[in-house]
Amino acid sequence: MAEAARSIDRIDTGPRFTRADAAVLNARFGRASADEILRAVLIDGVAGKIALVSSFGAESAVLLHLASRVDPAATVLFLETGKHFPETLAYRDTLVTRLGLKGVVNLRPDPAALAAKDESGLRWSYDPDGCCDIRKVQPLAEALAGYDASVTGRKAFQSATRADLPVFEIDESDTAGRLKVNPLIGWSAADLQAYLDKHDLPRHPLVEQGYPSIGCMPCTSKVADGEDPRSGRWRGWDKTECGIHSVPGASDEGDLPPGYEPVF
């Protein structure tokens, strides 16, 4: 008897998810609570292999607390840029202990990239896009290559660039078709405050000092009453995001703001 011809193995190189997939998920979970969304992605696996991305910043305790109640072993990626406020690193450690987080992974920039492009450690002062690319965008891209989706803590009220984000969107940073999940996108500042109060969660110590949005120390300043919560990030630059939530393409040389003089 002749043997049946062996089928040819094929590797699927298509995107993990498409915009149509995201639309289906938004139709299904568009009005779901943050807890229901997190259970769907962390337990039911509707988005495949997934990791949370957290800055351990001003409002991070809310998402991390919600996730810890669903799956305390969930992977949480933290970008240890080497430029954080000491208070942020201490706050990270406090939340890890308080919430029983078992899956926190500290992502650090490639030493070779730092040596080649930021040997002085001062790139933030003349090219913040390039600094973010080395210290945030590249390390996160490498880490997320092994995941189908990520969970963010973005909220619509934080800035105009986030005002119209859906719960599920396609990560445009490459062509892999990963999903980004934004379970808190519809939460207001009052919702966050109420949740923090209800669960007696520790606050980032810099919030009461006038920092409603906290990034790396050199590029974060205090925010005055009435200003956009993220206006203290990269003040003086035409920059509102670090790059992990936008299409990559940071240049090696940034445009200096009017009247700017380097610090060195």
C-alpha atoms as a PDB file:
ATOM      1  CA  MET A   1       0.000   0.000   0.000  1.00  0.00           C
ATOM      2  CA  ALA A   2       1.345   3.383  -0.933  1.00  0.00           C
ATOM      3  CA  GLU A   3       1.888   5.735   1.951  1.00  0.00           C
ATOM      4  CA  ALA A   4      -0.155   8.897   2.020  1.00  0.00           C
ATOM      5  CA  ALA A   5       1.783  11.987   1.093  1.00  0.00           C
ATOM      6  CA  ARG A   6       3.048  13.851   4.164  1.00  0.00           C
ATOM      7  CA  SER A   7       1.475  17.258   4.569  1.00  0.00           C
ATOM      8  CA  ILE A   8       3.900  20.147   4.508  1.00  0.00           C
ATOM      9  CA  ASP A   9       4.392  21.911   7.828  1.00  0.00           C
ATOM     10  CA  ARG A  10       3.713  25.607   7.595  1.00  0.00           C
ATOM     11  CA  ILE A  11       4.596  28.329  10.044  1.00  0.00           C
ATOM     12  CA  ASP A  12       1.872  30.884  10.613  1.00  0.00           C
ATOM     13  CA  THR A  13       3.532  34.289  10.293  1.00  0.00           C
ATOM     14  CA  GLY A  14       0.311  36.276  10.369  1.00  0.00           C
ATOM     15  CA  PRO A  15      -0.576  38.719  13.135  1.00  0.00           C
ATOM     16  CA  ARG A  16      -1.809  37.297  16.432  1.00  0.00           C
ATOM     17  CA  PHE A  17      -4.908  39.514  16.332  1.00  0.00           C
ATOM     18  CA  THR A  18      -6.519  41.829  13.790  1.00  0.00           C
ATOM     19  CA  ARG A  19      -8.581  44.974  14.143  1.00  0.00           C
ATOM     20  CA  ALA A  20     -11.628  42.814  13.483  1.00  0.00           C
ATOM     21  CA  ASP A  21     -10.688  40.644  16.481  1.00  0.00           C
ATOM     22  CA  ALA A  22     -10.330  43.750  18.638  1.00  0.00           C
ATOM     23  CA  ALA A  23     -13.736  44.982  17.463  1.00  0.00           C
ATOM     24  CA  VAL A  24     -15.344  41.687  18.463  1.00  0.00           C
ATOM     25  CA  LEU A  25     -13.770  41.878  21.915  1.00  0.00           C
ATOM     26  CA  ASN A  26     -14.855  45.495  22.327  1.00  0.00           C
ATOM     27  CA  ALA A  27     -18.413  44.546  21.416  1.00  0.00           C
ATOM     28  CA  ARG A  28     -18.287  41.765  23.988  1.00  0.00           C
ATOM     29  CA  PHE A  29     -16.535  43.593  26.821  1.00  0.00           C
ATOM     30  CA  GLY A  30     -17.107  47.265  26.010  1.00  0.00           C
ATOM     31  CA  ARG A  31     -19.390  47.711  29.014  1.00  0.00           C
ATOM     32  CA  ALA A  32     -17.766  45.137  31.272  1.00  0.00           C
ATOM     33  CA  SER A  33     -16.225  46.147  34.572  1.00  0.00           C
ATOM     34  CA  ALA A  34     -12.456  46.284  34.983  1.00  0.00           C
ATOM     35  CA  ASP A  35     -12.650  43.159  37.131  1.00  0.00           C
ATOM     36  CA  GLU A  36     -14.587  41.285  34.434  1.00  0.00           C
ATOM     37  CA  ILE A  37     -12.116  42.364  31.768  1.00  0.00           C
ATOM     38  CA  LEU A  38      -9.145  41.256  33.850  1.00  0.00           C
ATOM     39  CA  ARG A  39     -10.740  37.892  34.571  1.00  0.00           C
ATOM     40  CA  ALA A  40     -11.380  37.425  30.854  1.00  0.00           C
ATOM     41  CA  VAL A  41      -7.753  38.086  29.906  1.00  0.00           C
ATOM     42  CA  LEU A  42      -5.893  36.707  32.933  1.00  0.00           C
ATOM     43  CA  ILE A  43      -8.015  33.619  33.655  1.00  0.00           C
ATOM     44  CA  ASP A  44     -10.108  32.842  30.576  1.00  0.00           C
ATOM     45  CA  GLY A  45      -7.290  33.673  28.164  1.00  0.00           C
ATOM     46  CA  VAL A  46      -9.343  35.584  25.596  1.00  0.00           C
ATOM     47  CA  ALA A  47      -6.201  37.543  24.629  1.00  0.00           C
ATOM     48  CA  GLY A  48      -3.717  34.675  24.766  1.00  0.00           C
ATOM     49  CA  LYS A  49      -0.485  34.919  26.726  1.00  0.00           C
ATOM     50  CA  ILE A  50      -0.579  38.273  28.480  1.00  0.00           C
ATOM     51  CA  ALA A  51       1.461  40.546  30.732  1.00  0.00           C
ATOM     52  CA  LEU A  52       0.605  43.700  32.637  1.00  0.00           C
ATOM     53  CA  VAL A  53       2.828  46.736  32.081  1.00  0.00           C
ATOM     54  CA  SER A  54       3.090  49.001  35.112  1.00  0.00           C
ATOM     55  CA  SER A  55       5.054  52.148  35.885  1.00  0.00           C
ATOM     56  CA  PHE A  56       4.291  51.829  39.614  1.00  0.00           C
ATOM     57  CA  GLY A  57       3.297  55.460  39.298  1.00  0.00           C
ATOM     58  CA  ALA A  58       0.659  57.745  40.750  1.00  0.00           C
ATOM     59  CA  GLU A  59      -2.395  55.573  39.988  1.00  0.00           C
ATOM     60  CA  SER A  60      -0.796  52.166  39.474  1.00  0.00           C
ATOM     61  CA  ALA A  61      -2.037  50.693  42.742  1.00  0.00           C
ATOM     62  CA  VAL A  62      -5.593  50.499  41.376  1.00  0.00           C
ATOM     63  CA  LEU A  63      -4.847  48.242  38.397  1.00  0.00           C
ATOM     64  CA  LEU A  64      -2.316  46.194  40.356  1.00  0.00           C
ATOM     65  CA  HIS A  65      -4.785  45.634  43.200  1.00  0.00           C
ATOM     66  CA  LEU A  66      -7.521  44.577  40.772  1.00  0.00           C
ATOM     67  CA  ALA A  67      -5.129  42.194  39.024  1.00  0.00           C
ATOM     68  CA  SER A  68      -3.802  40.763  42.297  1.00  0.00           C
ATOM     69  CA  ARG A  69      -7.314  39.728  43.294  1.00  0.00           C
ATOM     70  CA  VAL A  70      -7.725  37.876  40.000  1.00  0.00           C
ATOM     71  CA  ASP A  71      -4.249  36.347  39.646  1.00  0.00           C
ATOM     72  CA  PRO A  72      -1.451  37.459  42.007  1.00  0.00           C
ATOM     73  CA  ALA A  73       1.044  35.474  39.911  1.00  0.00           C
ATOM     74  CA  ALA A  74       0.274  37.406  36.723  1.00  0.00           C
ATOM     75  CA  THR A  75       3.357  38.779  34.971  1.00  0.00           C
ATOM     76  CA  VAL A  76       3.904  42.496  35.652  1.00  0.00           C
ATOM     77  CA  LEU A  77       6.584  44.200  33.549  1.00  0.00           C
ATOM     78  CA  PHE A  78       8.315  47.210  35.110  1.00  0.00           C
ATOM     79  CA  LEU A  79      10.745  49.325  33.102  1.00  0.00           C
ATOM     80  CA  GLU A  80      13.697  49.922  35.421  1.00  0.00           C
ATOM     81  CA  THR A  81      15.184  52.739  33.350  1.00  0.00           C
ATOM     82  CA  GLY A  82      17.912  53.709  35.787  1.00  0.00           C
ATOM     83  CA  LYS A  83      16.377  57.203  35.965  1.00  0.00           C
ATOM     84  CA  HIS A  84      13.453  56.688  38.353  1.00  0.00           C
ATOM     85  CA  PHE A  85      12.796  58.689  41.491  1.00  0.00           C
ATOM     86  CA  PRO A  86      13.980  56.717  44.542  1.00  0.00           C
ATOM     87  CA  GLU A  87      10.410  57.098  45.814  1.00  0.00           C
ATOM     88  CA  THR A  88       9.104  55.153  42.801  1.00  0.00           C
ATOM     89  CA  LEU A  89      11.419  52.209  43.430  1.00  0.00           C
ATOM     90  CA  ALA A  90      10.442  52.156  47.102  1.00  0.00           C
ATOM     91  CA  TYR A  91       6.755  52.364  46.131  1.00  0.00           C
ATOM     92  CA  ARG A  92       7.201  49.419  43.763  1.00  0.00           C
ATOM     93  CA  ASP A  93       8.611  47.332  46.583  1.00  0.00           C
ATOM     94  CA  THR A  94       5.800  48.418  48.916  1.00  0.00           C
ATOM     95  CA  LEU A  95       3.083  47.395  46.450  1.00  0.00           C
ATOM     96  CA  VAL A  96       4.764  44.080  45.642  1.00  0.00           C
ATOM     97  CA  THR A  97       4.704  43.183  49.329  1.00  0.00           C
ATOM     98  CA  ARG A  98       1.312  44.677  50.155  1.00  0.00           C
ATOM     99  CA  LEU A  99      -0.506  43.110  47.188  1.00  0.00           C
ATOM    100  CA  GLY A 100       1.390  39.823  47.145  1.00  0.00           C
ATOM    101  CA  LEU A 101       2.512  40.278  43.548  1.00  0.00           C
ATOM    102  CA  LYS A 102       4.521  37.231  42.506  1.00  0.00           C
ATOM    103  CA  GLY A 103       5.233  37.949  38.856  1.00  0.00           C
ATOM    104  CA  VAL A 104       6.988  41.320  38.758  1.00  0.00           C
ATOM    105  CA  VAL A 105       9.810  41.456  36.198  1.00  0.00           C
ATOM    106  CA  ASN A 106      12.238  44.380  36.140  1.00  0.00           C
ATOM    107  CA  LEU A 107      13.261  45.234  32.572  1.00  0.00           C
ATOM    108  CA  ARG A 108      16.548  47.112  32.210  1.00  0.00           C
ATOM    109  CA  PRO A 109      18.106  48.781  29.168  1.00  0.00           C
ATOM    110  CA  ASP A 110      20.754  46.931  27.187  1.00  0.00           C
ATOM    111  CA  PRO A 111      24.195  47.936  28.567  1.00  0.00           C
ATOM    112  CA  ALA A 112      25.625  47.918  25.042  1.00  0.00           C
ATOM    113  CA  ALA A 113      22.924  50.338  23.855  1.00  0.00           C
ATOM    114  CA  LEU A 114      23.601  52.626  26.804  1.00  0.00           C
ATOM    115  CA  ALA A 115      27.340  52.577  26.132  1.00  0.00           C
ATOM    116  CA  ALA A 116      26.821  53.350  22.453  1.00  0.00           C
ATOM    117  CA  LYS A 117      24.087  55.984  22.692  1.00  0.00           C
ATOM    118  CA  ASP A 118      23.964  57.336  26.247  1.00  0.00           C
ATOM    119  CA  GLU A 119      27.378  56.857  27.788  1.00  0.00           C
ATOM    120  CA  SER A 120      27.077  60.128  29.721  1.00  0.00           C
ATOM    121  CA  GLY A 121      23.567  59.301  30.984  1.00  0.00           C
ATOM    122  CA  LEU A 122      22.433  62.761  29.841  1.00  0.00           C
ATOM    123  CA  ARG A 123      20.636  61.962  26.598  1.00  0.00           C
ATOM    124  CA  TRP A 124      17.351  62.883  28.273  1.00  0.00           C
ATOM    125  CA  SER A 125      18.486  66.527  28.314  1.00  0.00           C
ATOM    126  CA  TYR A 126      18.870  66.927  24.547  1.00  0.00           C
ATOM    127  CA  ASP A 127      16.985  63.987  23.007  1.00  0.00           C
ATOM    128  CA  PRO A 128      14.228  62.672  25.291  1.00  0.00           C
ATOM    129  CA  ASP A 129      12.759  60.536  22.487  1.00  0.00           C
ATOM    130  CA  GLY A 130      16.098  58.801  22.050  1.00  0.00           C
ATOM    131  CA  CYS A 131      16.462  58.321  25.786  1.00  0.00           C
ATOM    132  CA  CYS A 132      12.998  56.778  26.065  1.00  0.00           C
ATOM    133  CA  ASP A 133      13.735  54.562  23.077  1.00  0.00           C
ATOM    134  CA  ILE A 134      16.843  53.105  24.722  1.00  0.00           C
ATOM    135  CA  ARG A 135      15.509  52.851  28.255  1.00  0.00           C
ATOM    136  CA  LYS A 136      11.834  52.010  27.673  1.00  0.00           C
ATOM    137  CA  VAL A 137      10.759  51.214  24.133  1.00  0.00           C
ATOM    138  CA  GLN A 138      13.465  48.719  23.213  1.00  0.00           C
ATOM    139  CA  PRO A 139      13.474  46.741  26.500  1.00  0.00           C
ATOM    140  CA  LEU A 140       9.679  46.470  26.471  1.00  0.00           C
ATOM    141  CA  ALA A 141       9.565  45.458  22.799  1.00  0.00           C
ATOM    142  CA  GLU A 142      12.016  42.637  23.468  1.00  0.00           C
ATOM    143  CA  ALA A 143      10.045  41.455  26.493  1.00  0.00           C
ATOM    144  CA  LEU A 144       6.653  41.587  24.764  1.00  0.00           C
ATOM    145  CA  ALA A 145       7.862  39.581  21.790  1.00  0.00           C
ATOM    146  CA  GLY A 146       6.894  36.482  23.726  1.00  0.00           C
ATOM    147  CA  TYR A 147       3.371  37.676  24.547  1.00  0.00           C
ATOM    148  CA  ASP A 148       0.103  37.949  22.654  1.00  0.00           C
ATOM    149  CA  ALA A 149      -1.187  40.964  24.592  1.00  0.00           C
ATOM    150  CA  SER A 150      -0.426  43.485  27.304  1.00  0.00           C
ATOM    151  CA  VAL A 151      -2.561  45.229  29.919  1.00  0.00           C
ATOM    152  CA  THR A 152      -2.071  48.953  30.467  1.00  0.00           C
ATOM    153  CA  GLY A 153      -3.325  51.361  33.110  1.00  0.00           C
ATOM    154  CA  ARG A 154      -4.202  54.191  30.703  1.00  0.00           C
ATOM    155  CA  LYS A 155      -7.276  56.325  31.364  1.00  0.00           C
ATOM    156  CA  ALA A 156      -9.126  58.582  28.910  1.00  0.00           C
ATOM    157  CA  PHE A 157      -9.021  61.646  31.185  1.00  0.00           C
ATOM    158  CA  GLN A 158      -5.223  61.668  31.421  1.00  0.00           C
ATOM    159  CA  SER A 159      -4.566  63.412  28.102  1.00  0.00           C
ATOM    160  CA  ALA A 160      -6.009  64.185  24.685  1.00  0.00           C
ATOM    161  CA  THR A 161      -3.948  61.364  23.163  1.00  0.00           C
ATOM    162  CA  ARG A 162      -5.805  58.857  25.344  1.00  0.00           C
ATOM    163  CA  ALA A 163      -9.312  60.315  25.221  1.00  0.00           C
ATOM    164  CA  ASP A 164     -10.741  57.972  22.571  1.00  0.00           C
ATOM    165  CA  LEU A 165      -8.951  54.720  23.326  1.00  0.00           C
ATOM    166  CA  PRO A 166     -11.071  51.529  23.362  1.00  0.00           C
ATOM    167  CA  VAL A 167     -10.772  48.713  25.876  1.00  0.00           C
ATOM    168  CA  PHE A 168      -9.105  46.470  23.289  1.00  0.00           C
ATOM    169  CA  GLU A 169      -6.808  47.850  20.595  1.00  0.00           C
ATOM    170  CA  ILE A 170      -4.078  46.558  18.325  1.00  0.00           C
ATOM    171  CA  ASP A 171      -0.533  47.335  19.427  1.00  0.00           C
ATOM    172  CA  GLU A 172       0.866  49.359  16.524  1.00  0.00           C
ATOM    173  CA  SER A 173       4.490  49.218  17.687  1.00  0.00           C
ATOM    174  CA  ASP A 174       5.186  46.409  15.208  1.00  0.00           C
ATOM    175  CA  THR A 175       3.337  44.028  12.898  1.00  0.00           C
ATOM    176  CA  ALA A 176       2.928  41.182  15.408  1.00  0.00           C
ATOM    177  CA  GLY A 177      -0.720  42.023  16.024  1.00  0.00           C
ATOM    178  CA  ARG A 178      -0.560  42.016  19.793  1.00  0.00           C
ATOM    179  CA  LEU A 179      -3.533  43.351  21.702  1.00  0.00           C
ATOM    180  CA  LYS A 180      -3.404  46.157  24.209  1.00  0.00           C
ATOM    181  CA  VAL A 181      -6.028  45.942  26.918  1.00  0.00           C
ATOM    182  CA  ASN A 182      -7.120  49.104  28.741  1.00  0.00           C
ATOM    183  CA  PRO A 183      -9.484  47.967  31.540  1.00  0.00           C
ATOM    184  CA  LEU A 184      -9.464  51.373  33.278  1.00  0.00           C
ATOM    185  CA  ILE A 185      -9.943  53.520  30.185  1.00  0.00           C
ATOM    186  CA  GLY A 186     -13.387  54.715  31.319  1.00  0.00           C
ATOM    187  CA  TRP A 187     -12.403  55.480  34.912  1.00  0.00           C
ATOM    188  CA  SER A 188     -12.353  59.076  36.113  1.00  0.00           C
ATOM    189  CA  ALA A 189      -9.952  60.620  38.603  1.00  0.00           C
ATOM    190  CA  ALA A 190     -12.762  60.454  41.164  1.00  0.00           C
ATOM    191  CA  ASP A 191     -13.257  56.732  40.471  1.00  0.00           C
ATOM    192  CA  LEU A 192      -9.575  56.082  41.096  1.00  0.00           C
ATOM    193  CA  GLN A 193      -9.563  58.092  44.309  1.00  0.00           C
ATOM    194  CA  ALA A 194     -12.664  56.309  45.569  1.00  0.00           C
ATOM    195  CA  TYR A 195     -11.102  52.915  44.864  1.00  0.00           C
ATOM    196  CA  LEU A 196      -7.855  53.864  46.597  1.00  0.00           C
ATOM    197  CA  ASP A 197      -9.825  55.040  49.626  1.00  0.00           C
ATOM    198  CA  LYS A 198     -12.149  52.033  49.710  1.00  0.00           C
ATOM    199  CA  HIS A 199      -9.273  49.551  49.740  1.00  0.00           C
ATOM    200  CA  ASP A 200      -6.914  51.734  51.795  1.00  0.00           C
ATOM    201  CA  LEU A 201      -4.192  51.390  49.193  1.00  0.00           C
ATOM    202  CA  PRO A 202      -0.844  53.132  49.687  1.00  0.00           C
ATOM    203  CA  ARG A 203      -0.284  56.251  47.574  1.00  0.00           C
ATOM    204  CA  HIS A 204       2.833  57.115  45.675  1.00  0.00           C
ATOM    205  CA  PRO A 205       4.614  59.537  48.031  1.00  0.00           C
ATOM    206  CA  LEU A 206       5.228  62.097  45.252  1.00  0.00           C
ATOM    207  CA  VAL A 207       1.536  62.638  44.508  1.00  0.00           C
ATOM    208  CA  GLU A 208       0.969  64.860  47.540  1.00  0.00           C
ATOM    209  CA  GLN A 209       4.061  66.852  46.515  1.00  0.00           C
ATOM    210  CA  GLY A 210       2.404  67.926  43.251  1.00  0.00           C
ATOM    211  CA  TYR A 211       3.224  65.098  40.851  1.00  0.00           C
ATOM    212  CA  PRO A 212      -0.038  63.603  39.482  1.00  0.00           C
ATOM    213  CA  SER A 213       1.864  61.794  36.702  1.00  0.00           C
ATOM    214  CA  ILE A 214       5.248  60.302  37.497  1.00  0.00           C
ATOM    215  CA  GLY A 215       7.900  59.115  35.083  1.00  0.00           C
ATOM    216  CA  CYS A 216      11.664  59.294  35.176  1.00  0.00           C
ATOM    217  CA  MET A 217      13.110  61.877  37.538  1.00  0.00           C
ATOM    218  CA  PRO A 218      14.880  64.160  35.002  1.00  0.00           C
ATOM    219  CA  CYS A 219      11.780  64.504  32.794  1.00  0.00           C
ATOM    220  CA  THR A 220       9.045  64.870  35.438  1.00  0.00           C
ATOM    221  CA  SER A 221       8.062  68.176  37.030  1.00  0.00           C
ATOM    222  CA  LYS A 222       5.307  69.352  39.332  1.00  0.00           C
ATOM    223  CA  VAL A 223       1.892  70.233  37.893  1.00  0.00           C
ATOM    224  CA  ALA A 224      -0.025  73.370  38.832  1.00  0.00           C
ATOM    225  CA  ASP A 225      -3.729  73.401  39.659  1.00  0.00           C
ATOM    226  CA  GLY A 226      -5.811  73.255  36.491  1.00  0.00           C
ATOM    227  CA  GLU A 227      -3.052  71.874  34.286  1.00  0.00           C
ATOM    228  CA  ASP A 228      -3.330  68.610  32.351  1.00  0.00           C
ATOM    229  CA  PRO A 229      -2.224  65.816  34.732  1.00  0.00           C
ATOM    230  CA  ARG A 230       0.513  64.827  32.289  1.00  0.00           C
ATOM    231  CA  SER A 231       1.739  68.368  31.593  1.00  0.00           C
ATOM    232  CA  GLY A 232       4.635  67.797  33.953  1.00  0.00           C
ATOM    233  CA  ARG A 233       6.055  65.107  31.706  1.00  0.00           C
ATOM    234  CA  TRP A 234       8.782  66.328  29.304  1.00  0.00           C
ATOM    235  CA  ARG A 235       7.815  69.926  30.014  1.00  0.00           C
ATOM    236  CA  GLY A 236       9.041  72.249  27.282  1.00  0.00           C
ATOM    237  CA  TRP A 237       9.148  69.516  24.658  1.00  0.00           C
ATOM    238  CA  ASP A 238       6.636  68.598  21.975  1.00  0.00           C
ATOM    239  CA  LYS A 239       6.270  65.196  23.599  1.00  0.00           C
ATOM    240  CA  THR A 240       3.378  63.622  25.491  1.00  0.00           C
ATOM    241  CA  GLU A 241       4.190  59.887  25.491  1.00  0.00           C
ATOM    242  CA  CYS A 242       7.356  57.927  26.186  1.00  0.00           C
ATOM    243  CA  GLY A 243       6.934  55.851  23.042  1.00  0.00           C
ATOM    244  CA  ILE A 244       5.751  52.508  24.380  1.00  0.00           C
ATOM    245  CA  HIS A 245       2.198  53.460  23.380  1.00  0.00           C
ATOM    246  CA  SER A 246       3.013  54.819  19.930  1.00  0.00           C
ATOM    247  CA  VAL A 247       4.580  53.712  16.673  1.00  0.00           C
ATOM    248  CA  PRO A 248       8.370  53.613  17.114  1.00  0.00           C
ATOM    249  CA  GLY A 249      10.724  55.861  15.225  1.00  0.00           C
ATOM    250  CA  ALA A 250      12.561  57.916  17.812  1.00  0.00           C
ATOM    251  CA  SER A 251      15.292  59.826  16.075  1.00  0.00           C
ATOM    252  CA  ASP A 252      18.877  59.972  17.204  1.00  0.00           C
ATOM    253  CA  GLU A 253      18.693  63.745  17.337  1.00  0.00           C
ATOM    254  CA  GLY A 254      15.730  65.575  18.820  1.00  0.00           C
ATOM    255  CA  ASP A 255      14.592  69.129  18.063  1.00  0.00           C
ATOM    256  CA  LEU A 256      15.458  71.501  20.876  1.00  0.00           C
ATOM    257  CA  PRO A 257      12.663  73.654  22.311  1.00  0.00           C
ATOM    258  CA  PRO A 258      12.985  77.452  21.917  1.00  0.00           C
ATOM    259  CA  GLY A 259      15.610  78.932  24.189  1.00  0.00           C
ATOM    260  CA  TYR A 260      16.785  75.532  25.383  1.00  0.00           C
ATOM    261  CA  GLU A 261      20.320  75.125  26.647  1.00  0.00           C
ATOM    262  CA  PRO A 262      21.741  71.683  27.513  1.00  0.00           C
ATOM    263  CA  VAL A 263      22.572  71.082  31.154  1.00  0.00           C
ATOM    264  CA  PHE A 264      26.150  70.086  30.438  1.00  0.00           C
END
